[in-house]
Amino acid sequence: MSKRLLPADASIFLILIGVALTFELLGWLVMGQSFIFNTRRLPIIVLQVAVIGIIAIGVTQVIITGGIDLSSGSVAALSGMVAASFAQAAGGSSMYFAGLADLPTIVPLVVGIAVGCAAGWVNGAITAYTGVPPFIPTLGMMVSARGLAVLYNNGNPVIGLTDGFTALGAGATPIVIFAVVALLFHIVLTRTLYGRRTYAVGSNAEAARTSGINVKAHKVLVYTIAGGLAGLAGVVMTARATMAQPGMGLMYELDAISAAVIGGTSLFGGRGRVSGTVIGVLILGVITSGFTFLRIDFYYQEVAKGLIILAAVIADRYRQGVKFGMR
């Protein structure tokens, strides 16, 4: 068996460099200006994908266990709506908790994360204890959470948020939060018992069970953590927009899954790294920013993302030794 010439993350990083250089060349040919060598562009790229990156770190852990989470964008929207109602400045617009105003920022932050954790727990419990394929309960949660986000304030946005809350989305704060979350879960997955159990469950659930791991309980924990990160992303997204509305986070779950798969997380379970997911998020950010820079229509961006996901999945199948062909 031939040895890998480069570590997986290094290979993905080279893809990131290649994509960036491609847009750099196209920038000079089409626009007559640089795409990469702009001191303001890189922070903007990272800022644009920070929320998706937070979600993707949770989704990565779910996929490592052999699962999937289609609900994270909707959960982020619901969490943002509920958190915003606890972040009302005096005279805010929420139909609920109208008597509460100017609460400490920690209150809506914790509430938003708690809503996400609750949704994640439901996803995990149904998946683990009923044997239903994970895309079914998470698809149901995607629809239900979006509906609850609409019902929560009768479809109206929640505005009039406190300055302390909106500071969570101001300036480079979302980037800092994304970086802290990425570093934390990189350590958790590579240095802790939780991480070892997560990989063990995804690699071979039956072997993990015989080795003493409570596979069902661990899956519930992983989905709960993923939901909590979606809740945190919803809080950051709401703070950055300085308002909450039910349509936030639309299709973010697919971007998060895309980032994880592009970053080397195997849809077959058992393999994936936070560092690879971070690079995958940056690749999506560069593509989105590059297409915007070249003034290419949004729908072509979606086509490009779809092709990239397809290529990543095919590459993953080859890495797993799965042969293509007719039965």
C-alpha atoms as a PDB file:
ATOM      1  CA  MET A   1       0.000   0.000   0.000  1.00  0.00           C
ATOM      2  CA  SER A   2       1.410   3.391  -0.983  1.00  0.00           C
ATOM      3  CA  LYS A   3       1.978   5.957   1.713  1.00  0.00           C
ATOM      4  CA  ARG A   4       0.154   9.257   1.737  1.00  0.00           C
ATOM      5  CA  LEU A   5       2.507  11.929   0.439  1.00  0.00           C
ATOM      6  CA  LEU A   6       0.855  14.721   2.394  1.00  0.00           C
ATOM      7  CA  PRO A   7      -1.256  14.819   5.560  1.00  0.00           C
ATOM      8  CA  ALA A   8      -4.986  15.079   4.805  1.00  0.00           C
ATOM      9  CA  ASP A   9      -5.244  18.641   6.158  1.00  0.00           C
ATOM     10  CA  ALA A  10      -2.257  19.721   4.065  1.00  0.00           C
ATOM     11  CA  SER A  11      -3.923  18.356   0.935  1.00  0.00           C
ATOM     12  CA  ILE A  12      -7.142  20.220   1.715  1.00  0.00           C
ATOM     13  CA  PHE A  13      -5.160  23.381   2.458  1.00  0.00           C
ATOM     14  CA  LEU A  14      -3.511  23.103  -0.966  1.00  0.00           C
ATOM     15  CA  ILE A  15      -6.990  22.945  -2.490  1.00  0.00           C
ATOM     16  CA  LEU A  16      -7.841  26.158  -0.622  1.00  0.00           C
ATOM     17  CA  ILE A  17      -4.707  27.811  -2.030  1.00  0.00           C
ATOM     18  CA  GLY A  18      -5.552  26.534  -5.509  1.00  0.00           C
ATOM     19  CA  VAL A  19      -9.099  27.916  -5.359  1.00  0.00           C
ATOM     20  CA  ALA A  20      -7.828  31.281  -4.099  1.00  0.00           C
ATOM     21  CA  LEU A  21      -5.178  31.479  -6.838  1.00  0.00           C
ATOM     22  CA  THR A  22      -7.785  30.601  -9.467  1.00  0.00           C
ATOM     23  CA  PHE A  23      -9.913  33.544  -8.385  1.00  0.00           C
ATOM     24  CA  GLU A  24      -6.791  35.713  -8.245  1.00  0.00           C
ATOM     25  CA  LEU A  25      -6.061  34.895 -11.892  1.00  0.00           C
ATOM     26  CA  LEU A  26      -9.685  35.430 -12.898  1.00  0.00           C
ATOM     27  CA  GLY A  27      -9.709  38.674 -10.951  1.00  0.00           C
ATOM     28  CA  TRP A  28      -6.899  40.111 -13.040  1.00  0.00           C
ATOM     29  CA  LEU A  29      -8.289  38.738 -16.312  1.00  0.00           C
ATOM     30  CA  VAL A  30     -11.908  39.771 -15.766  1.00  0.00           C
ATOM     31  CA  MET A  31     -11.856  42.631 -13.262  1.00  0.00           C
ATOM     32  CA  GLY A  32      -8.321  43.958 -13.688  1.00  0.00           C
ATOM     33  CA  GLN A  33      -7.623  43.815  -9.953  1.00  0.00           C
ATOM     34  CA  SER A  34      -6.361  41.483  -7.269  1.00  0.00           C
ATOM     35  CA  PHE A  35      -8.647  39.115  -5.374  1.00  0.00           C
ATOM     36  CA  ILE A  36      -6.234  37.771  -2.729  1.00  0.00           C
ATOM     37  CA  PHE A  37      -3.880  40.643  -2.041  1.00  0.00           C
ATOM     38  CA  ASN A  38      -6.433  42.880  -0.422  1.00  0.00           C
ATOM     39  CA  THR A  39      -5.928  43.464   3.304  1.00  0.00           C
ATOM     40  CA  ARG A  40      -9.674  43.782   3.897  1.00  0.00           C
ATOM     41  CA  ARG A  41     -10.901  40.760   1.940  1.00  0.00           C
ATOM     42  CA  LEU A  42      -9.658  37.890   4.120  1.00  0.00           C
ATOM     43  CA  PRO A  43     -11.312  39.159   7.335  1.00  0.00           C
ATOM     44  CA  ILE A  44     -14.535  39.695   5.391  1.00  0.00           C
ATOM     45  CA  ILE A  45     -14.385  36.151   3.979  1.00  0.00           C
ATOM     46  CA  VAL A  46     -13.908  34.639   7.438  1.00  0.00           C
ATOM     47  CA  LEU A  47     -16.593  36.883   8.941  1.00  0.00           C
ATOM     48  CA  GLN A  48     -19.080  35.779   6.295  1.00  0.00           C
ATOM     49  CA  VAL A  49     -18.592  32.099   7.087  1.00  0.00           C
ATOM     50  CA  ALA A  50     -18.045  32.284  10.866  1.00  0.00           C
ATOM     51  CA  VAL A  51     -21.653  31.349  11.678  1.00  0.00           C
ATOM     52  CA  ILE A  52     -21.633  28.436   9.237  1.00  0.00           C
ATOM     53  CA  GLY A  53     -18.271  27.415  10.673  1.00  0.00           C
ATOM     54  CA  ILE A  54     -19.686  27.169  14.205  1.00  0.00           C
ATOM     55  CA  ILE A  55     -22.528  25.001  12.904  1.00  0.00           C
ATOM     56  CA  ALA A  56     -20.125  22.899  10.817  1.00  0.00           C
ATOM     57  CA  ILE A  57     -18.018  21.971  13.857  1.00  0.00           C
ATOM     58  CA  GLY A  58     -21.101  20.434  15.467  1.00  0.00           C
ATOM     59  CA  VAL A  59     -22.169  18.756  12.225  1.00  0.00           C
ATOM     60  CA  THR A  60     -18.669  17.296  11.842  1.00  0.00           C
ATOM     61  CA  GLN A  61     -19.021  15.451  15.139  1.00  0.00           C
ATOM     62  CA  VAL A  62     -22.410  14.069  14.109  1.00  0.00           C
ATOM     63  CA  ILE A  63     -21.052  12.831  10.785  1.00  0.00           C
ATOM     64  CA  ILE A  64     -18.048  11.211  12.486  1.00  0.00           C
ATOM     65  CA  THR A  65     -20.529   9.048  14.433  1.00  0.00           C
ATOM     66  CA  GLY A  66     -22.075   7.976  11.131  1.00  0.00           C
ATOM     67  CA  GLY A  67     -25.047  10.328  11.418  1.00  0.00           C
ATOM     68  CA  ILE A  68     -26.257  13.468   9.695  1.00  0.00           C
ATOM     69  CA  ASP A  69     -27.974  16.652  10.839  1.00  0.00           C
ATOM     70  CA  LEU A  70     -30.263  18.448   8.405  1.00  0.00           C
ATOM     71  CA  SER A  71     -31.834  20.681  11.042  1.00  0.00           C
ATOM     72  CA  SER A  72     -29.000  22.983  12.119  1.00  0.00           C
ATOM     73  CA  GLY A  73     -29.978  26.011  10.028  1.00  0.00           C
ATOM     74  CA  SER A  74     -33.570  25.925  11.276  1.00  0.00           C
ATOM     75  CA  VAL A  75     -32.431  25.305  14.860  1.00  0.00           C
ATOM     76  CA  ALA A  76     -30.139  28.333  14.586  1.00  0.00           C
ATOM     77  CA  ALA A  77     -33.087  30.455  13.430  1.00  0.00           C
ATOM     78  CA  LEU A  78     -35.332  29.246  16.270  1.00  0.00           C
ATOM     79  CA  SER A  79     -32.561  29.745  18.838  1.00  0.00           C
ATOM     80  CA  GLY A  80     -31.921  33.238  17.537  1.00  0.00           C
ATOM     81  CA  MET A  81     -35.595  34.159  17.778  1.00  0.00           C
ATOM     82  CA  VAL A  82     -35.918  32.923  21.350  1.00  0.00           C
ATOM     83  CA  ALA A  83     -32.587  34.441  22.421  1.00  0.00           C
ATOM     84  CA  ALA A  84     -33.567  37.798  20.923  1.00  0.00           C
ATOM     85  CA  SER A  85     -36.740  37.891  23.010  1.00  0.00           C
ATOM     86  CA  PHE A  86     -34.513  37.733  26.105  1.00  0.00           C
ATOM     87  CA  ALA A  87     -32.206  40.406  24.694  1.00  0.00           C
ATOM     88  CA  GLN A  88     -34.799  43.171  24.514  1.00  0.00           C
ATOM     89  CA  ALA A  89     -33.788  46.690  25.275  1.00  0.00           C
ATOM     90  CA  ALA A  90     -36.447  48.867  26.867  1.00  0.00           C
ATOM     91  CA  GLY A  91     -39.270  49.249  24.328  1.00  0.00           C
ATOM     92  CA  GLY A  92     -38.346  46.108  22.354  1.00  0.00           C
ATOM     93  CA  SER A  93     -40.767  44.354  20.017  1.00  0.00           C
ATOM     94  CA  SER A  94     -41.136  40.802  21.314  1.00  0.00           C
ATOM     95  CA  MET A  95     -44.703  39.718  21.993  1.00  0.00           C
ATOM     96  CA  TYR A  96     -43.296  37.517  24.768  1.00  0.00           C
ATOM     97  CA  PHE A  97     -41.455  38.648  27.871  1.00  0.00           C
ATOM     98  CA  ALA A  98     -42.481  42.219  27.158  1.00  0.00           C
ATOM     99  CA  GLY A  99     -41.979  43.040  30.810  1.00  0.00           C
ATOM    100  CA  LEU A 100     -38.333  41.978  30.711  1.00  0.00           C
ATOM    101  CA  ALA A 101     -35.760  44.416  29.419  1.00  0.00           C
ATOM    102  CA  ASP A 102     -32.025  45.011  29.591  1.00  0.00           C
ATOM    103  CA  LEU A 103     -31.170  41.563  30.915  1.00  0.00           C
ATOM    104  CA  PRO A 104     -27.461  40.681  31.162  1.00  0.00           C
ATOM    105  CA  THR A 105     -26.067  39.389  27.854  1.00  0.00           C
ATOM    106  CA  ILE A 106     -25.337  36.001  29.398  1.00  0.00           C
ATOM    107  CA  VAL A 107     -29.094  35.340  29.724  1.00  0.00           C
ATOM    108  CA  PRO A 108     -30.021  35.369  26.000  1.00  0.00           C
ATOM    109  CA  LEU A 109     -26.717  33.636  25.204  1.00  0.00           C
ATOM    110  CA  VAL A 110     -27.499  30.743  27.543  1.00  0.00           C
ATOM    111  CA  VAL A 111     -31.140  30.621  26.428  1.00  0.00           C
ATOM    112  CA  GLY A 112     -30.170  30.409  22.757  1.00  0.00           C
ATOM    113  CA  ILE A 113     -27.676  27.618  23.382  1.00  0.00           C
ATOM    114  CA  ALA A 114     -30.204  25.785  25.586  1.00  0.00           C
ATOM    115  CA  VAL A 115     -32.836  25.871  22.827  1.00  0.00           C
ATOM    116  CA  GLY A 116     -30.294  24.397  20.418  1.00  0.00           C
ATOM    117  CA  CYS A 117     -29.297  21.708  22.922  1.00  0.00           C
ATOM    118  CA  ALA A 118     -32.953  20.749  23.405  1.00  0.00           C
ATOM    119  CA  ALA A 119     -33.484  20.370  19.665  1.00  0.00           C
ATOM    120  CA  GLY A 120     -30.254  18.384  19.351  1.00  0.00           C
ATOM    121  CA  TRP A 121     -31.279  16.124  22.228  1.00  0.00           C
ATOM    122  CA  VAL A 122     -34.562  15.321  20.469  1.00  0.00           C
ATOM    123  CA  ASN A 123     -32.661  14.518  17.255  1.00  0.00           C
ATOM    124  CA  GLY A 124     -30.234  12.292  19.104  1.00  0.00           C
ATOM    125  CA  ALA A 125     -32.822  10.496  21.237  1.00  0.00           C
ATOM    126  CA  ILE A 126     -35.004   9.617  18.259  1.00  0.00           C
ATOM    127  CA  THR A 127     -32.002   8.517  16.211  1.00  0.00           C
ATOM    128  CA  ALA A 128     -30.377   6.459  18.963  1.00  0.00           C
ATOM    129  CA  TYR A 129     -33.382   4.834  20.622  1.00  0.00           C
ATOM    130  CA  THR A 130     -35.701   4.157  17.671  1.00  0.00           C
ATOM    131  CA  GLY A 131     -33.211   3.005  15.059  1.00  0.00           C
ATOM    132  CA  VAL A 132     -34.683   5.469  12.548  1.00  0.00           C
ATOM    133  CA  PRO A 133     -32.108   6.677   9.990  1.00  0.00           C
ATOM    134  CA  PRO A 134     -30.838  10.069  11.246  1.00  0.00           C
ATOM    135  CA  PHE A 135     -31.881  12.032   8.186  1.00  0.00           C
ATOM    136  CA  ILE A 136     -35.550  11.399   9.053  1.00  0.00           C
ATOM    137  CA  PRO A 137     -35.721  12.936  12.559  1.00  0.00           C
ATOM    138  CA  THR A 138     -33.352  15.744  11.614  1.00  0.00           C
ATOM    139  CA  LEU A 139     -35.402  16.473   8.501  1.00  0.00           C
ATOM    140  CA  GLY A 140     -38.486  16.585  10.711  1.00  0.00           C
ATOM    141  CA  MET A 141     -36.682  18.920  13.107  1.00  0.00           C
ATOM    142  CA  MET A 142     -35.621  21.119  10.184  1.00  0.00           C
ATOM    143  CA  VAL A 143     -39.252  21.663   9.220  1.00  0.00           C
ATOM    144  CA  SER A 144     -40.590  21.856  12.785  1.00  0.00           C
ATOM    145  CA  ALA A 145     -37.950  24.273  14.077  1.00  0.00           C
ATOM    146  CA  ARG A 146     -38.510  26.582  11.125  1.00  0.00           C
ATOM    147  CA  GLY A 147     -42.240  26.502  11.779  1.00  0.00           C
ATOM    148  CA  LEU A 148     -41.718  27.230  15.473  1.00  0.00           C
ATOM    149  CA  ALA A 149     -39.452  30.153  14.544  1.00  0.00           C
ATOM    150  CA  VAL A 150     -42.312  31.597  12.497  1.00  0.00           C
ATOM    151  CA  LEU A 151     -44.913  30.949  15.192  1.00  0.00           C
ATOM    152  CA  TYR A 152     -42.797  32.303  18.024  1.00  0.00           C
ATOM    153  CA  ASN A 153     -43.482  35.942  17.199  1.00  0.00           C
ATOM    154  CA  ASN A 154     -46.283  35.460  14.642  1.00  0.00           C
ATOM    155  CA  GLY A 155     -43.779  35.655  11.788  1.00  0.00           C
ATOM    156  CA  ASN A 156     -42.577  39.082  12.860  1.00  0.00           C
ATOM    157  CA  PRO A 157     -38.925  39.970  13.457  1.00  0.00           C
ATOM    158  CA  VAL A 158     -37.658  40.687  16.953  1.00  0.00           C
ATOM    159  CA  ILE A 159     -35.869  44.033  17.036  1.00  0.00           C
ATOM    160  CA  GLY A 160     -34.711  46.537  19.625  1.00  0.00           C
ATOM    161  CA  LEU A 161     -31.903  44.429  21.089  1.00  0.00           C
ATOM    162  CA  THR A 162     -29.494  45.534  23.791  1.00  0.00           C
ATOM    163  CA  ASP A 163     -26.065  46.866  22.893  1.00  0.00           C
ATOM    164  CA  GLY A 164     -24.434  44.157  24.997  1.00  0.00           C
ATOM    165  CA  PHE A 165     -26.150  41.437  22.984  1.00  0.00           C
ATOM    166  CA  THR A 166     -25.452  42.953  19.569  1.00  0.00           C
ATOM    167  CA  ALA A 167     -21.782  43.259  20.575  1.00  0.00           C
ATOM    168  CA  LEU A 168     -21.599  39.470  20.149  1.00  0.00           C
ATOM    169  CA  GLY A 169     -21.928  40.033  16.405  1.00  0.00           C
ATOM    170  CA  ALA A 170     -19.984  43.271  16.080  1.00  0.00           C
ATOM    171  CA  GLY A 171     -16.628  43.653  14.360  1.00  0.00           C
ATOM    172  CA  ALA A 172     -14.411  40.573  14.505  1.00  0.00           C
ATOM    173  CA  THR A 173     -16.240  39.026  17.472  1.00  0.00           C
ATOM    174  CA  PRO A 174     -17.891  36.259  15.354  1.00  0.00           C
ATOM    175  CA  ILE A 175     -14.442  35.304  14.035  1.00  0.00           C
ATOM    176  CA  VAL A 176     -13.081  35.109  17.579  1.00  0.00           C
ATOM    177  CA  ILE A 177     -16.019  32.960  18.705  1.00  0.00           C
ATOM    178  CA  PHE A 178     -15.551  30.670  15.690  1.00  0.00           C
ATOM    179  CA  ALA A 179     -11.824  30.346  16.404  1.00  0.00           C
ATOM    180  CA  VAL A 180     -12.397  29.571  20.096  1.00  0.00           C
ATOM    181  CA  VAL A 181     -15.048  26.951  19.274  1.00  0.00           C
ATOM    182  CA  ALA A 182     -12.780  25.370  16.648  1.00  0.00           C
ATOM    183  CA  LEU A 183      -9.787  25.217  18.985  1.00  0.00           C
ATOM    184  CA  LEU A 184     -11.885  23.867  21.857  1.00  0.00           C
ATOM    185  CA  PHE A 185     -13.422  21.033  19.865  1.00  0.00           C
ATOM    186  CA  HIS A 186     -10.155  20.233  18.123  1.00  0.00           C
ATOM    187  CA  ILE A 187      -8.741  19.551  21.585  1.00  0.00           C
ATOM    188  CA  VAL A 188     -11.889  17.720  22.704  1.00  0.00           C
ATOM    189  CA  LEU A 189     -11.900  15.380  19.711  1.00  0.00           C
ATOM    190  CA  THR A 190      -8.170  14.656  19.746  1.00  0.00           C
ATOM    191  CA  ARG A 191      -7.338  14.649  23.462  1.00  0.00           C
ATOM    192  CA  THR A 192     -10.369  13.454  25.439  1.00  0.00           C
ATOM    193  CA  LEU A 193     -12.385  10.326  26.110  1.00  0.00           C
ATOM    194  CA  TYR A 194     -15.350  11.978  24.393  1.00  0.00           C
ATOM    195  CA  GLY A 195     -13.347  12.273  21.189  1.00  0.00           C
ATOM    196  CA  ARG A 196     -12.109   8.680  21.299  1.00  0.00           C
ATOM    197  CA  ARG A 197     -15.635   7.412  21.861  1.00  0.00           C
ATOM    198  CA  THR A 198     -16.977   9.558  19.023  1.00  0.00           C
ATOM    199  CA  TYR A 199     -14.531   8.051  16.532  1.00  0.00           C
ATOM    200  CA  ALA A 200     -15.085   4.555  17.927  1.00  0.00           C
ATOM    201  CA  VAL A 201     -18.863   4.812  17.501  1.00  0.00           C
ATOM    202  CA  GLY A 202     -18.481   6.015  13.923  1.00  0.00           C
ATOM    203  CA  SER A 203     -15.861   3.417  12.994  1.00  0.00           C
ATOM    204  CA  ASN A 204     -17.725   0.385  14.324  1.00  0.00           C
ATOM    205  CA  ALA A 205     -20.707   0.859  16.612  1.00  0.00           C
ATOM    206  CA  GLU A 206     -20.928  -2.822  17.517  1.00  0.00           C
ATOM    207  CA  ALA A 207     -17.252  -2.998  18.460  1.00  0.00           C
ATOM    208  CA  ALA A 208     -17.663   0.202  20.495  1.00  0.00           C
ATOM    209  CA  ARG A 209     -20.615  -1.349  22.317  1.00  0.00           C
ATOM    210  CA  THR A 210     -18.709  -4.530  23.177  1.00  0.00           C
ATOM    211  CA  SER A 211     -15.821  -2.415  24.466  1.00  0.00           C
ATOM    212  CA  GLY A 212     -18.127  -0.866  27.056  1.00  0.00           C
ATOM    213  CA  ILE A 213     -19.260   2.343  25.347  1.00  0.00           C
ATOM    214  CA  ASN A 214     -22.921   3.256  25.751  1.00  0.00           C
ATOM    215  CA  VAL A 215     -23.377   3.950  22.045  1.00  0.00           C
ATOM    216  CA  LYS A 216     -26.944   5.245  22.302  1.00  0.00           C
ATOM    217  CA  ALA A 217     -26.177   7.669  25.111  1.00  0.00           C
ATOM    218  CA  HIS A 218     -23.067   8.892  23.319  1.00  0.00           C
ATOM    219  CA  LYS A 219     -24.984   9.570  20.122  1.00  0.00           C
ATOM    220  CA  VAL A 220     -27.526  11.596  22.098  1.00  0.00           C
ATOM    221  CA  LEU A 221     -24.659  13.586  23.619  1.00  0.00           C
ATOM    222  CA  VAL A 222     -23.091  14.272  20.209  1.00  0.00           C
ATOM    223  CA  TYR A 223     -26.382  15.464  18.705  1.00  0.00           C
ATOM    224  CA  THR A 224     -27.024  17.613  21.778  1.00  0.00           C
ATOM    225  CA  ILE A 225     -23.628  19.284  21.432  1.00  0.00           C
ATOM    226  CA  ALA A 226     -24.255  19.851  17.714  1.00  0.00           C
ATOM    227  CA  GLY A 227     -27.609  21.429  18.569  1.00  0.00           C
ATOM    228  CA  GLY A 228     -25.958  23.647  21.187  1.00  0.00           C
ATOM    229  CA  LEU A 229     -23.448  24.872  18.624  1.00  0.00           C
ATOM    230  CA  ALA A 230     -26.307  25.582  16.194  1.00  0.00           C
ATOM    231  CA  GLY A 231     -27.923  27.570  19.018  1.00  0.00           C
ATOM    232  CA  LEU A 232     -24.707  29.513  19.581  1.00  0.00           C
ATOM    233  CA  ALA A 233     -24.511  30.185  15.844  1.00  0.00           C
ATOM    234  CA  GLY A 234     -28.097  31.471  15.955  1.00  0.00           C
ATOM    235  CA  VAL A 235     -27.189  33.863  18.761  1.00  0.00           C
ATOM    236  CA  VAL A 236     -24.157  35.184  16.875  1.00  0.00           C
ATOM    237  CA  MET A 237     -26.159  35.465  13.649  1.00  0.00           C
ATOM    238  CA  THR A 238     -28.916  37.405  15.415  1.00  0.00           C
ATOM    239  CA  ALA A 239     -26.447  39.686  17.184  1.00  0.00           C
ATOM    240  CA  ARG A 240     -24.672  40.428  13.914  1.00  0.00           C
ATOM    241  CA  ALA A 241     -27.956  41.291  12.177  1.00  0.00           C
ATOM    242  CA  THR A 242     -29.102  43.263  15.276  1.00  0.00           C
ATOM    243  CA  MET A 243     -32.483  41.546  14.859  1.00  0.00           C
ATOM    244  CA  ALA A 244     -34.015  38.095  14.653  1.00  0.00           C
ATOM    245  CA  GLN A 245     -36.315  36.826  11.942  1.00  0.00           C
ATOM    246  CA  PRO A 246     -37.667  33.348  11.131  1.00  0.00           C
ATOM    247  CA  GLY A 247     -35.955  33.136   7.740  1.00  0.00           C
ATOM    248  CA  MET A 248     -32.428  33.350   9.135  1.00  0.00           C
ATOM    249  CA  GLY A 249     -30.021  30.483   8.531  1.00  0.00           C
ATOM    250  CA  LEU A 250     -31.849  29.175   5.478  1.00  0.00           C
ATOM    251  CA  MET A 251     -29.845  26.297   3.916  1.00  0.00           C
ATOM    252  CA  TYR A 252     -27.012  26.787   6.401  1.00  0.00           C
ATOM    253  CA  GLU A 253     -27.239  23.102   7.280  1.00  0.00           C
ATOM    254  CA  LEU A 254     -26.226  22.169   3.740  1.00  0.00           C
ATOM    255  CA  ASP A 255     -23.317  24.606   3.777  1.00  0.00           C
ATOM    256  CA  ALA A 256     -22.196  23.127   7.098  1.00  0.00           C
ATOM    257  CA  ILE A 257     -22.364  19.572   5.759  1.00  0.00           C
ATOM    258  CA  SER A 258     -20.539  20.725   2.625  1.00  0.00           C
ATOM    259  CA  ALA A 259     -17.740  22.276   4.675  1.00  0.00           C
ATOM    260  CA  ALA A 260     -17.347  19.104   6.737  1.00  0.00           C
ATOM    261  CA  VAL A 261     -17.260  16.820   3.685  1.00  0.00           C
ATOM    262  CA  ILE A 262     -14.911  19.107   1.753  1.00  0.00           C
ATOM    263  CA  GLY A 263     -12.698  19.152   4.843  1.00  0.00           C
ATOM    264  CA  GLY A 264     -12.307  15.378   4.757  1.00  0.00           C
ATOM    265  CA  THR A 265     -15.038  14.186   7.124  1.00  0.00           C
ATOM    266  CA  SER A 266     -16.249  10.826   5.853  1.00  0.00           C
ATOM    267  CA  LEU A 267     -19.970  10.356   5.326  1.00  0.00           C
ATOM    268  CA  PHE A 268     -19.339   6.704   6.219  1.00  0.00           C
ATOM    269  CA  GLY A 269     -18.369   7.767   9.737  1.00  0.00           C
ATOM    270  CA  GLY A 270     -15.250   7.258  11.798  1.00  0.00           C
ATOM    271  CA  ARG A 271     -13.098   9.922  10.205  1.00  0.00           C
ATOM    272  CA  GLY A 272     -12.958  13.705  10.297  1.00  0.00           C
ATOM    273  CA  ARG A 273     -11.074  16.574  11.898  1.00  0.00           C
ATOM    274  CA  VAL A 274     -12.106  20.028  13.055  1.00  0.00           C
ATOM    275  CA  SER A 275      -9.049  21.490  11.342  1.00  0.00           C
ATOM    276  CA  GLY A 276     -10.175  20.017   8.020  1.00  0.00           C
ATOM    277  CA  THR A 277     -13.679  21.391   8.538  1.00  0.00           C
ATOM    278  CA  VAL A 278     -12.264  24.861   9.215  1.00  0.00           C
ATOM    279  CA  ILE A 279     -10.381  24.691   5.919  1.00  0.00           C
ATOM    280  CA  GLY A 280     -13.557  23.447   4.216  1.00  0.00           C
ATOM    281  CA  VAL A 281     -15.443  26.442   5.601  1.00  0.00           C
ATOM    282  CA  LEU A 282     -12.755  28.768   4.250  1.00  0.00           C
ATOM    283  CA  ILE A 283     -12.952  27.097   0.827  1.00  0.00           C
ATOM    284  CA  LEU A 284     -16.701  27.780   0.718  1.00  0.00           C
ATOM    285  CA  GLY A 285     -16.035  31.346   1.857  1.00  0.00           C
ATOM    286  CA  VAL A 286     -13.443  31.917  -0.861  1.00  0.00           C
ATOM    287  CA  ILE A 287     -15.785  30.488  -3.509  1.00  0.00           C
ATOM    288  CA  THR A 288     -18.696  32.663  -2.384  1.00  0.00           C
ATOM    289  CA  SER A 289     -16.545  35.781  -2.101  1.00  0.00           C
ATOM    290  CA  GLY A 290     -14.792  35.034  -5.390  1.00  0.00           C
ATOM    291  CA  PHE A 291     -18.035  34.641  -7.302  1.00  0.00           C
ATOM    292  CA  THR A 292     -19.344  37.857  -5.772  1.00  0.00           C
ATOM    293  CA  PHE A 293     -16.068  39.587  -6.649  1.00  0.00           C
ATOM    294  CA  LEU A 294     -16.449  38.438 -10.265  1.00  0.00           C
ATOM    295  CA  ARG A 295     -20.128  39.490 -10.215  1.00  0.00           C
ATOM    296  CA  ILE A 296     -21.316  35.997 -11.039  1.00  0.00           C
ATOM    297  CA  ASP A 297     -24.950  35.192 -10.330  1.00  0.00           C
ATOM    298  CA  PHE A 298     -25.790  33.589  -6.969  1.00  0.00           C
ATOM    299  CA  TYR A 299     -27.293  30.504  -8.589  1.00  0.00           C
ATOM    300  CA  TYR A 300     -23.993  29.639 -10.242  1.00  0.00           C
ATOM    301  CA  GLN A 301     -22.468  29.660  -6.760  1.00  0.00           C
ATOM    302  CA  GLU A 302     -24.955  26.996  -5.691  1.00  0.00           C
ATOM    303  CA  VAL A 303     -24.121  24.910  -8.758  1.00  0.00           C
ATOM    304  CA  ALA A 304     -20.414  25.169  -7.950  1.00  0.00           C
ATOM    305  CA  LYS A 305     -21.010  24.138  -4.327  1.00  0.00           C
ATOM    306  CA  GLY A 306     -23.041  21.149  -5.474  1.00  0.00           C
ATOM    307  CA  LEU A 307     -20.304  19.989  -7.828  1.00  0.00           C
ATOM    308  CA  ILE A 308     -17.681  20.400  -5.118  1.00  0.00           C
ATOM    309  CA  ILE A 309     -19.744  18.319  -2.676  1.00  0.00           C
ATOM    310  CA  LEU A 310     -20.215  15.623  -5.313  1.00  0.00           C
ATOM    311  CA  ALA A 311     -16.483  15.543  -6.039  1.00  0.00           C
ATOM    312  CA  ALA A 312     -15.686  15.368  -2.312  1.00  0.00           C
ATOM    313  CA  VAL A 313     -18.095  12.458  -1.769  1.00  0.00           C
ATOM    314  CA  ILE A 314     -16.711  10.548  -4.760  1.00  0.00           C
ATOM    315  CA  ALA A 315     -13.168  11.115  -3.484  1.00  0.00           C
ATOM    316  CA  ASP A 316     -14.252   9.881  -0.059  1.00  0.00           C
ATOM    317  CA  ARG A 317     -15.657   6.693  -1.549  1.00  0.00           C
ATOM    318  CA  TYR A 318     -12.362   6.034  -3.282  1.00  0.00           C
ATOM    319  CA  ARG A 319     -10.480   6.635  -0.015  1.00  0.00           C
ATOM    320  CA  GLN A 320     -12.788   4.111   1.651  1.00  0.00           C
ATOM    321  CA  GLY A 321     -12.101   1.570  -1.078  1.00  0.00           C
ATOM    322  CA  VAL A 322     -15.695   1.553  -2.334  1.00  0.00           C
ATOM    323  CA  LYS A 323     -15.793   0.584  -5.981  1.00  0.00           C
ATOM    324  CA  PHE A 324     -18.170   2.160  -8.434  1.00  0.00           C
ATOM    325  CA  GLY A 325     -20.034   0.126 -10.968  1.00  0.00           C
ATOM    326  CA  MET A 326     -23.219  -1.780 -11.679  1.00  0.00           C
ATOM    327  CA  ARG A 327     -24.308  -4.702  -9.570  1.00  0.00           C
END
